[in-house]
Amino acid sequence: MSARVAIVTGGSRGIGRGIVRRLAAQGYAVVVGYASNADEAAATVKDAVEAGAEATAFRADVADDVAVAEMFAEAASRFGGVDVVVHAAARMITGTIEETDLDELDALYRTNVRGSFVVAQQAARHVRDGGSIQMFSSSVTKALLPGYGAYTATKAAVEAMTLILARELRGRNVTVNTIAPGVTATDMLFENQAEESLAGMIAATPLERLGEVVDIAEVAAFLASPEGHWVNGQTVHANGGL
């Protein structure tokens, strides 16, 4: 069995997939959590195996507490336990508060808030002493941009859980942090942003570019490492200065 084991939700694409690749390169055994796209999940597992790691995919709706519990059980059965949990699964909608469809709002909250709580709950129950729990927010919680009211509210909820859970795990030597990326080149970004809007965000970033998946994956790897273990209860803004 591998010495260290990670579960990465939303691991079949985007930032999650980048984190799987990075942790696999460090020798972690990885469970790739995914919602629906089995082909993408299989491709991510292949990436991890080619990097020399053990890996498996597990389909689970992060808001389904039974499915998420089964995913953690699979990690324990196959690899011996769980040391790192990176919860990268999320949905995004944009639109003014006035015009947001409430059914879409409910679906957003189910994934981003309930899903984060469910994963955090299972992580708190199962991560081994000395481990790392990482959630995902967004730098929109500081930018407070028009059109992002619903999405920002869900991510602010995730940030609120972070320090509380870190304090609740006192005595376990388990860190809990949230990563808040800025404008990062992923399919989710391009699906929700017009080209002129992206140009404005790039111009507002002192480093004058979109973030790349690898930029965020490096932050996750650091927080999972012994070198990053003194960082605890924090929301880490990885956004190029936006």
C-alpha atoms as a PDB file:
ATOM      1  CA  MET A   1       0.000   0.000   0.000  1.00  0.00           C
ATOM      2  CA  SER A   2       1.120   3.551  -0.641  1.00  0.00           C
ATOM      3  CA  ALA A   3       2.314   5.561   2.348  1.00  0.00           C
ATOM      4  CA  ARG A   4      -0.057   8.455   1.636  1.00  0.00           C
ATOM      5  CA  VAL A   5      -3.567   8.413   0.194  1.00  0.00           C
ATOM      6  CA  ALA A   6      -5.599  11.302  -1.240  1.00  0.00           C
ATOM      7  CA  ILE A   7      -9.217  11.734  -2.275  1.00  0.00           C
ATOM      8  CA  VAL A   8      -9.799  14.488  -4.833  1.00  0.00           C
ATOM      9  CA  THR A   9     -13.412  15.356  -5.632  1.00  0.00           C
ATOM     10  CA  GLY A  10     -14.061  16.993  -8.965  1.00  0.00           C
ATOM     11  CA  GLY A  11     -10.950  15.120  -9.986  1.00  0.00           C
ATOM     12  CA  SER A  12     -11.953  14.312 -13.556  1.00  0.00           C
ATOM     13  CA  ARG A  13     -11.426  17.802 -14.983  1.00  0.00           C
ATOM     14  CA  GLY A  14     -10.091  21.287 -14.412  1.00  0.00           C
ATOM     15  CA  ILE A  15      -8.338  22.144 -11.178  1.00  0.00           C
ATOM     16  CA  GLY A  16      -9.218  18.790  -9.625  1.00  0.00           C
ATOM     17  CA  ARG A  17      -7.539  16.897 -12.444  1.00  0.00           C
ATOM     18  CA  GLY A  18      -4.444  19.053 -12.116  1.00  0.00           C
ATOM     19  CA  ILE A  19      -4.285  18.286  -8.403  1.00  0.00           C
ATOM     20  CA  VAL A  20      -4.608  14.552  -9.046  1.00  0.00           C
ATOM     21  CA  ARG A  21      -1.671  14.721 -11.445  1.00  0.00           C
ATOM     22  CA  ARG A  22       0.423  16.721  -8.970  1.00  0.00           C
ATOM     23  CA  LEU A  23      -0.250  14.441  -6.013  1.00  0.00           C
ATOM     24  CA  ALA A  24       0.286  11.346  -8.134  1.00  0.00           C
ATOM     25  CA  ALA A  25       3.689  12.691  -9.152  1.00  0.00           C
ATOM     26  CA  GLN A  26       4.504  12.919  -5.441  1.00  0.00           C
ATOM     27  CA  GLY A  27       3.628   9.267  -4.921  1.00  0.00           C
ATOM     28  CA  TYR A  28       0.162   9.543  -3.436  1.00  0.00           C
ATOM     29  CA  ALA A  29      -2.379   6.867  -4.133  1.00  0.00           C
ATOM     30  CA  VAL A  30      -5.391   8.805  -5.380  1.00  0.00           C
ATOM     31  CA  VAL A  31      -9.143   8.258  -5.446  1.00  0.00           C
ATOM     32  CA  VAL A  32     -10.558  10.394  -8.261  1.00  0.00           C
ATOM     33  CA  GLY A  33     -14.047  11.476  -7.259  1.00  0.00           C
ATOM     34  CA  TYR A  34     -16.319  12.427 -10.138  1.00  0.00           C
ATOM     35  CA  ALA A  35     -19.989  13.202 -10.714  1.00  0.00           C
ATOM     36  CA  SER A  36     -20.871  11.946 -14.181  1.00  0.00           C
ATOM     37  CA  ASN A  37     -18.125  11.798 -16.820  1.00  0.00           C
ATOM     38  CA  ALA A  38     -16.652   8.319 -16.489  1.00  0.00           C
ATOM     39  CA  ASP A  39     -14.435   8.743 -19.561  1.00  0.00           C
ATOM     40  CA  GLU A  40     -12.761  11.868 -18.165  1.00  0.00           C
ATOM     41  CA  ALA A  41     -12.337  10.173 -14.795  1.00  0.00           C
ATOM     42  CA  ALA A  42     -10.718   7.160 -16.463  1.00  0.00           C
ATOM     43  CA  ALA A  43      -8.371   9.463 -18.359  1.00  0.00           C
ATOM     44  CA  THR A  44      -7.368  11.130 -15.083  1.00  0.00           C
ATOM     45  CA  VAL A  45      -6.708   7.745 -13.485  1.00  0.00           C
ATOM     46  CA  LYS A  46      -4.549   6.874 -16.502  1.00  0.00           C
ATOM     47  CA  ASP A  47      -2.579  10.108 -15.982  1.00  0.00           C
ATOM     48  CA  ALA A  48      -1.959   9.182 -12.352  1.00  0.00           C
ATOM     49  CA  VAL A  49      -0.892   5.637 -13.153  1.00  0.00           C
ATOM     50  CA  GLU A  50       1.484   6.886 -15.840  1.00  0.00           C
ATOM     51  CA  ALA A  51       3.008   9.138 -13.174  1.00  0.00           C
ATOM     52  CA  GLY A  52       3.767   5.981 -11.179  1.00  0.00           C
ATOM     53  CA  ALA A  53       0.900   6.186  -8.684  1.00  0.00           C
ATOM     54  CA  GLU A  54      -1.929   3.891  -7.730  1.00  0.00           C
ATOM     55  CA  ALA A  55      -5.310   5.378  -8.589  1.00  0.00           C
ATOM     56  CA  THR A  56      -8.969   4.551  -8.965  1.00  0.00           C
ATOM     57  CA  ALA A  57     -12.090   6.488  -9.929  1.00  0.00           C
ATOM     58  CA  PHE A  58     -15.239   6.631  -7.813  1.00  0.00           C
ATOM     59  CA  ARG A  59     -18.542   8.103  -8.905  1.00  0.00           C
ATOM     60  CA  ALA A  60     -20.273  10.097  -6.178  1.00  0.00           C
ATOM     61  CA  ASP A  61     -22.580  13.076  -5.996  1.00  0.00           C
ATOM     62  CA  VAL A  62     -20.808  15.101  -3.305  1.00  0.00           C
ATOM     63  CA  ALA A  63     -24.142  16.133  -1.787  1.00  0.00           C
ATOM     64  CA  ASP A  64     -25.126  12.474  -1.302  1.00  0.00           C
ATOM     65  CA  ASP A  65     -23.838  11.532   2.140  1.00  0.00           C
ATOM     66  CA  VAL A  66     -24.202   7.790   1.488  1.00  0.00           C
ATOM     67  CA  ALA A  67     -22.217   7.933  -1.761  1.00  0.00           C
ATOM     68  CA  VAL A  68     -19.492  10.073  -0.218  1.00  0.00           C
ATOM     69  CA  ALA A  69     -19.207   7.711   2.756  1.00  0.00           C
ATOM     70  CA  GLU A  70     -18.829   4.835   0.292  1.00  0.00           C
ATOM     71  CA  MET A  71     -16.047   6.736  -1.497  1.00  0.00           C
ATOM     72  CA  PHE A  72     -14.121   7.097   1.754  1.00  0.00           C
ATOM     73  CA  ALA A  73     -14.725   3.429   2.502  1.00  0.00           C
ATOM     74  CA  GLU A  74     -13.339   2.535  -0.924  1.00  0.00           C
ATOM     75  CA  ALA A  75     -10.181   4.550  -0.216  1.00  0.00           C
ATOM     76  CA  ALA A  76      -9.718   2.736   3.088  1.00  0.00           C
ATOM     77  CA  SER A  77     -10.399  -0.689   1.576  1.00  0.00           C
ATOM     78  CA  ARG A  78      -8.206  -0.269  -1.483  1.00  0.00           C
ATOM     79  CA  PHE A  79      -5.354   1.832  -0.126  1.00  0.00           C
ATOM     80  CA  GLY A  80      -5.527   1.503   3.655  1.00  0.00           C
ATOM     81  CA  GLY A  81      -6.863   4.909   4.742  1.00  0.00           C
ATOM     82  CA  VAL A  82      -7.072   8.590   3.847  1.00  0.00           C
ATOM     83  CA  ASP A  83      -4.468  11.270   4.540  1.00  0.00           C
ATOM     84  CA  VAL A  84      -5.458  14.130   2.243  1.00  0.00           C
ATOM     85  CA  VAL A  85      -8.861  15.270   1.029  1.00  0.00           C
ATOM     86  CA  VAL A  86      -9.098  17.953  -1.647  1.00  0.00           C
ATOM     87  CA  HIS A  87     -12.682  18.952  -2.327  1.00  0.00           C
ATOM     88  CA  ALA A  88     -12.558  20.636  -5.739  1.00  0.00           C
ATOM     89  CA  ALA A  89     -16.037  19.690  -6.997  1.00  0.00           C
ATOM     90  CA  ALA A  90     -18.289  22.708  -7.584  1.00  0.00           C
ATOM     91  CA  ARG A  91     -20.881  24.307  -9.836  1.00  0.00           C
ATOM     92  CA  MET A  92     -21.117  27.893 -11.046  1.00  0.00           C
ATOM     93  CA  ILE A  93     -23.982  30.051 -12.218  1.00  0.00           C
ATOM     94  CA  THR A  94     -23.895  33.747 -12.989  1.00  0.00           C
ATOM     95  CA  GLY A  95     -26.649  36.339 -13.100  1.00  0.00           C
ATOM     96  CA  THR A  96     -28.018  39.152 -11.018  1.00  0.00           C
ATOM     97  CA  ILE A  97     -29.713  38.423  -7.723  1.00  0.00           C
ATOM     98  CA  GLU A  98     -32.906  39.892  -9.181  1.00  0.00           C
ATOM     99  CA  GLU A  99     -32.931  37.486 -12.118  1.00  0.00           C
ATOM    100  CA  THR A 100     -31.478  34.274 -10.607  1.00  0.00           C
ATOM    101  CA  ASP A 101     -33.762  31.286 -11.022  1.00  0.00           C
ATOM    102  CA  LEU A 102     -34.449  29.812  -7.588  1.00  0.00           C
ATOM    103  CA  ASP A 103     -34.341  26.224  -8.833  1.00  0.00           C
ATOM    104  CA  GLU A 104     -30.842  26.903 -10.147  1.00  0.00           C
ATOM    105  CA  LEU A 105     -29.992  28.496  -6.806  1.00  0.00           C
ATOM    106  CA  ASP A 106     -31.130  25.373  -4.962  1.00  0.00           C
ATOM    107  CA  ALA A 107     -29.015  23.160  -7.224  1.00  0.00           C
ATOM    108  CA  LEU A 108     -26.013  25.424  -6.711  1.00  0.00           C
ATOM    109  CA  TYR A 109     -26.385  25.311  -2.941  1.00  0.00           C
ATOM    110  CA  ARG A 110     -26.820  21.552  -3.013  1.00  0.00           C
ATOM    111  CA  THR A 111     -23.455  21.046  -4.688  1.00  0.00           C
ATOM    112  CA  ASN A 112     -21.395  23.918  -3.306  1.00  0.00           C
ATOM    113  CA  VAL A 113     -22.683  24.167   0.266  1.00  0.00           C
ATOM    114  CA  ARG A 114     -24.242  20.824   1.187  1.00  0.00           C
ATOM    115  CA  GLY A 115     -21.620  19.004  -0.897  1.00  0.00           C
ATOM    116  CA  SER A 116     -18.780  20.812   0.857  1.00  0.00           C
ATOM    117  CA  PHE A 117     -20.323  20.091   4.254  1.00  0.00           C
ATOM    118  CA  VAL A 118     -20.809  16.396   3.445  1.00  0.00           C
ATOM    119  CA  VAL A 119     -17.215  15.981   2.224  1.00  0.00           C
ATOM    120  CA  ALA A 120     -15.859  17.942   5.212  1.00  0.00           C
ATOM    121  CA  GLN A 121     -17.891  15.761   7.568  1.00  0.00           C
ATOM    122  CA  GLN A 122     -16.557  12.525   6.105  1.00  0.00           C
ATOM    123  CA  ALA A 123     -13.034  13.940   6.007  1.00  0.00           C
ATOM    124  CA  ALA A 124     -13.266  14.893   9.689  1.00  0.00           C
ATOM    125  CA  ARG A 125     -14.331  11.337  10.506  1.00  0.00           C
ATOM    126  CA  HIS A 126     -11.742   9.522   8.422  1.00  0.00           C
ATOM    127  CA  VAL A 127      -8.572  11.549   7.707  1.00  0.00           C
ATOM    128  CA  ARG A 128      -5.657  10.094   9.603  1.00  0.00           C
ATOM    129  CA  ASP A 129      -3.733  12.123  12.170  1.00  0.00           C
ATOM    130  CA  GLY A 130      -1.251  14.447  10.480  1.00  0.00           C
ATOM    131  CA  GLY A 131      -3.438  14.797   7.390  1.00  0.00           C
ATOM    132  CA  SER A 132      -4.790  17.693   5.361  1.00  0.00           C
ATOM    133  CA  ILE A 133      -8.332  18.725   4.423  1.00  0.00           C
ATOM    134  CA  GLN A 134      -8.648  21.272   1.634  1.00  0.00           C
ATOM    135  CA  MET A 135     -11.817  22.966   0.461  1.00  0.00           C
ATOM    136  CA  PHE A 136     -12.303  25.367  -2.438  1.00  0.00           C
ATOM    137  CA  SER A 137     -13.678  28.895  -2.437  1.00  0.00           C
ATOM    138  CA  SER A 138     -13.064  31.660  -4.973  1.00  0.00           C
ATOM    139  CA  SER A 139     -11.574  35.132  -4.967  1.00  0.00           C
ATOM    140  CA  VAL A 140     -15.038  36.445  -5.867  1.00  0.00           C
ATOM    141  CA  THR A 141     -15.732  36.443  -2.125  1.00  0.00           C
ATOM    142  CA  LYS A 142     -13.395  39.439  -1.907  1.00  0.00           C
ATOM    143  CA  ALA A 143     -14.134  41.006  -5.308  1.00  0.00           C
ATOM    144  CA  LEU A 144     -17.928  40.911  -4.735  1.00  0.00           C
ATOM    145  CA  LEU A 145     -18.664  41.312  -8.421  1.00  0.00           C
ATOM    146  CA  PRO A 146     -22.150  42.030  -9.760  1.00  0.00           C
ATOM    147  CA  GLY A 147     -23.625  38.932 -11.348  1.00  0.00           C
ATOM    148  CA  TYR A 148     -21.975  36.562  -8.874  1.00  0.00           C
ATOM    149  CA  GLY A 149     -24.332  36.912  -5.917  1.00  0.00           C
ATOM    150  CA  ALA A 150     -25.460  33.281  -5.740  1.00  0.00           C
ATOM    151  CA  TYR A 151     -22.042  31.762  -6.451  1.00  0.00           C
ATOM    152  CA  THR A 152     -20.276  34.103  -4.023  1.00  0.00           C
ATOM    153  CA  ALA A 153     -22.738  33.260  -1.264  1.00  0.00           C
ATOM    154  CA  THR A 154     -22.003  29.546  -1.631  1.00  0.00           C
ATOM    155  CA  LYS A 155     -18.258  30.090  -1.520  1.00  0.00           C
ATOM    156  CA  ALA A 156     -18.498  32.400   1.497  1.00  0.00           C
ATOM    157  CA  ALA A 157     -20.236  29.523   3.272  1.00  0.00           C
ATOM    158  CA  VAL A 158     -17.279  27.255   2.501  1.00  0.00           C
ATOM    159  CA  GLU A 159     -14.866  29.812   3.930  1.00  0.00           C
ATOM    160  CA  ALA A 160     -16.955  30.001   7.108  1.00  0.00           C
ATOM    161  CA  MET A 161     -16.541  26.253   7.656  1.00  0.00           C
ATOM    162  CA  THR A 162     -12.756  26.343   7.390  1.00  0.00           C
ATOM    163  CA  LEU A 163     -11.522  27.811  10.669  1.00  0.00           C
ATOM    164  CA  ILE A 164     -14.401  26.215  12.575  1.00  0.00           C
ATOM    165  CA  LEU A 165     -13.461  22.719  11.382  1.00  0.00           C
ATOM    166  CA  ALA A 166      -9.766  23.392  12.024  1.00  0.00           C
ATOM    167  CA  ARG A 167     -10.627  24.271  15.629  1.00  0.00           C
ATOM    168  CA  GLU A 168     -12.940  21.285  16.006  1.00  0.00           C
ATOM    169  CA  LEU A 169     -10.086  18.958  14.976  1.00  0.00           C
ATOM    170  CA  ARG A 170      -7.785  20.195  17.746  1.00  0.00           C
ATOM    171  CA  GLY A 171      -5.605  17.371  18.981  1.00  0.00           C
ATOM    172  CA  ARG A 172      -5.663  15.454  15.697  1.00  0.00           C
ATOM    173  CA  ASN A 173      -2.772  17.283  13.978  1.00  0.00           C
ATOM    174  CA  VAL A 174      -5.016  17.652  10.912  1.00  0.00           C
ATOM    175  CA  THR A 175      -4.966  20.935   8.992  1.00  0.00           C
ATOM    176  CA  VAL A 176      -8.040  22.434   7.324  1.00  0.00           C
ATOM    177  CA  ASN A 177      -7.660  25.136   4.694  1.00  0.00           C
ATOM    178  CA  THR A 178      -9.564  26.580   1.770  1.00  0.00           C
ATOM    179  CA  ILE A 179      -7.972  27.593  -1.529  1.00  0.00           C
ATOM    180  CA  ALA A 180      -9.552  30.602  -3.242  1.00  0.00           C
ATOM    181  CA  PRO A 181      -8.332  30.763  -6.857  1.00  0.00           C
ATOM    182  CA  GLY A 182      -8.619  33.834  -9.001  1.00  0.00           C
ATOM    183  CA  VAL A 183      -9.393  33.747 -12.702  1.00  0.00           C
ATOM    184  CA  THR A 184      -8.124  30.315 -13.730  1.00  0.00           C
ATOM    185  CA  ALA A 185      -8.167  28.815 -17.220  1.00  0.00           C
ATOM    186  CA  THR A 186     -10.658  25.969 -16.854  1.00  0.00           C
ATOM    187  CA  ASP A 187     -13.684  24.818 -18.817  1.00  0.00           C
ATOM    188  CA  MET A 188     -15.961  26.138 -16.061  1.00  0.00           C
ATOM    189  CA  LEU A 189     -14.506  29.618 -16.475  1.00  0.00           C
ATOM    190  CA  PHE A 190     -14.827  29.659 -20.249  1.00  0.00           C
ATOM    191  CA  GLU A 191     -18.367  28.314 -20.065  1.00  0.00           C
ATOM    192  CA  ASN A 192     -19.438  31.200 -17.817  1.00  0.00           C
ATOM    193  CA  GLN A 193     -17.432  34.196 -19.036  1.00  0.00           C
ATOM    194  CA  ALA A 194     -17.553  36.318 -22.168  1.00  0.00           C
ATOM    195  CA  GLU A 195     -14.243  37.085 -23.857  1.00  0.00           C
ATOM    196  CA  GLU A 196     -14.408  40.794 -23.023  1.00  0.00           C
ATOM    197  CA  SER A 197     -15.030  39.988 -19.361  1.00  0.00           C
ATOM    198  CA  LEU A 198     -11.971  37.744 -19.273  1.00  0.00           C
ATOM    199  CA  ALA A 199      -9.874  40.500 -20.810  1.00  0.00           C
ATOM    200  CA  GLY A 200     -10.945  42.846 -18.045  1.00  0.00           C
ATOM    201  CA  MET A 201     -10.053  40.333 -15.347  1.00  0.00           C
ATOM    202  CA  ILE A 202      -6.622  39.747 -16.873  1.00  0.00           C
ATOM    203  CA  ALA A 203      -6.039  43.497 -16.984  1.00  0.00           C
ATOM    204  CA  ALA A 204      -6.997  43.755 -13.305  1.00  0.00           C
ATOM    205  CA  THR A 205      -4.462  41.089 -12.297  1.00  0.00           C
ATOM    206  CA  PRO A 206      -0.960  42.455 -11.529  1.00  0.00           C
ATOM    207  CA  LEU A 207       0.664  39.379 -13.063  1.00  0.00           C
ATOM    208  CA  GLU A 208      -1.329  40.105 -16.249  1.00  0.00           C
ATOM    209  CA  ARG A 209      -2.461  36.607 -17.177  1.00  0.00           C
ATOM    210  CA  LEU A 210      -5.028  33.966 -16.392  1.00  0.00           C
ATOM    211  CA  GLY A 211      -4.093  31.530 -13.691  1.00  0.00           C
ATOM    212  CA  GLU A 212      -3.243  28.037 -14.866  1.00  0.00           C
ATOM    213  CA  VAL A 213      -4.398  24.805 -13.296  1.00  0.00           C
ATOM    214  CA  VAL A 214      -0.818  24.009 -12.332  1.00  0.00           C
ATOM    215  CA  ASP A 215      -0.646  27.232 -10.291  1.00  0.00           C
ATOM    216  CA  ILE A 216      -3.468  26.005  -8.072  1.00  0.00           C
ATOM    217  CA  ALA A 217      -2.239  22.413  -7.977  1.00  0.00           C
ATOM    218  CA  GLU A 218       1.072  23.610  -6.548  1.00  0.00           C
ATOM    219  CA  VAL A 219      -0.752  25.363  -3.704  1.00  0.00           C
ATOM    220  CA  ALA A 220      -2.716  22.196  -2.925  1.00  0.00           C
ATOM    221  CA  ALA A 221       0.456  20.107  -2.953  1.00  0.00           C
ATOM    222  CA  PHE A 222       2.148  22.544  -0.585  1.00  0.00           C
ATOM    223  CA  LEU A 223      -0.759  22.487   1.872  1.00  0.00           C
ATOM    224  CA  ALA A 224      -0.713  18.683   1.794  1.00  0.00           C
ATOM    225  CA  SER A 225       3.012  18.551   2.480  1.00  0.00           C
ATOM    226  CA  PRO A 226       4.889  18.635   5.804  1.00  0.00           C
ATOM    227  CA  GLU A 227       6.281  22.024   4.728  1.00  0.00           C
ATOM    228  CA  GLY A 228       2.759  23.435   4.534  1.00  0.00           C
ATOM    229  CA  HIS A 229       1.466  21.924   7.756  1.00  0.00           C
ATOM    230  CA  TRP A 230       1.787  25.115   9.820  1.00  0.00           C
ATOM    231  CA  VAL A 231      -0.835  26.758   7.601  1.00  0.00           C
ATOM    232  CA  ASN A 232      -4.150  25.937   9.246  1.00  0.00           C
ATOM    233  CA  GLY A 233      -7.653  27.389   9.297  1.00  0.00           C
ATOM    234  CA  GLN A 234      -6.877  29.748   6.439  1.00  0.00           C
ATOM    235  CA  THR A 235      -8.379  30.815   3.143  1.00  0.00           C
ATOM    236  CA  VAL A 236      -5.427  31.010   0.760  1.00  0.00           C
ATOM    237  CA  HIS A 237      -6.018  33.411  -2.139  1.00  0.00           C
ATOM    238  CA  ALA A 238      -4.112  32.115  -5.156  1.00  0.00           C
ATOM    239  CA  ASN A 239      -5.038  34.785  -7.675  1.00  0.00           C
ATOM    240  CA  GLY A 240      -1.983  36.593  -8.996  1.00  0.00           C
ATOM    241  CA  GLY A 241      -2.827  39.666  -6.943  1.00  0.00           C
ATOM    242  CA  LEU A 242      -6.362  40.190  -8.315  1.00  0.00           C
END
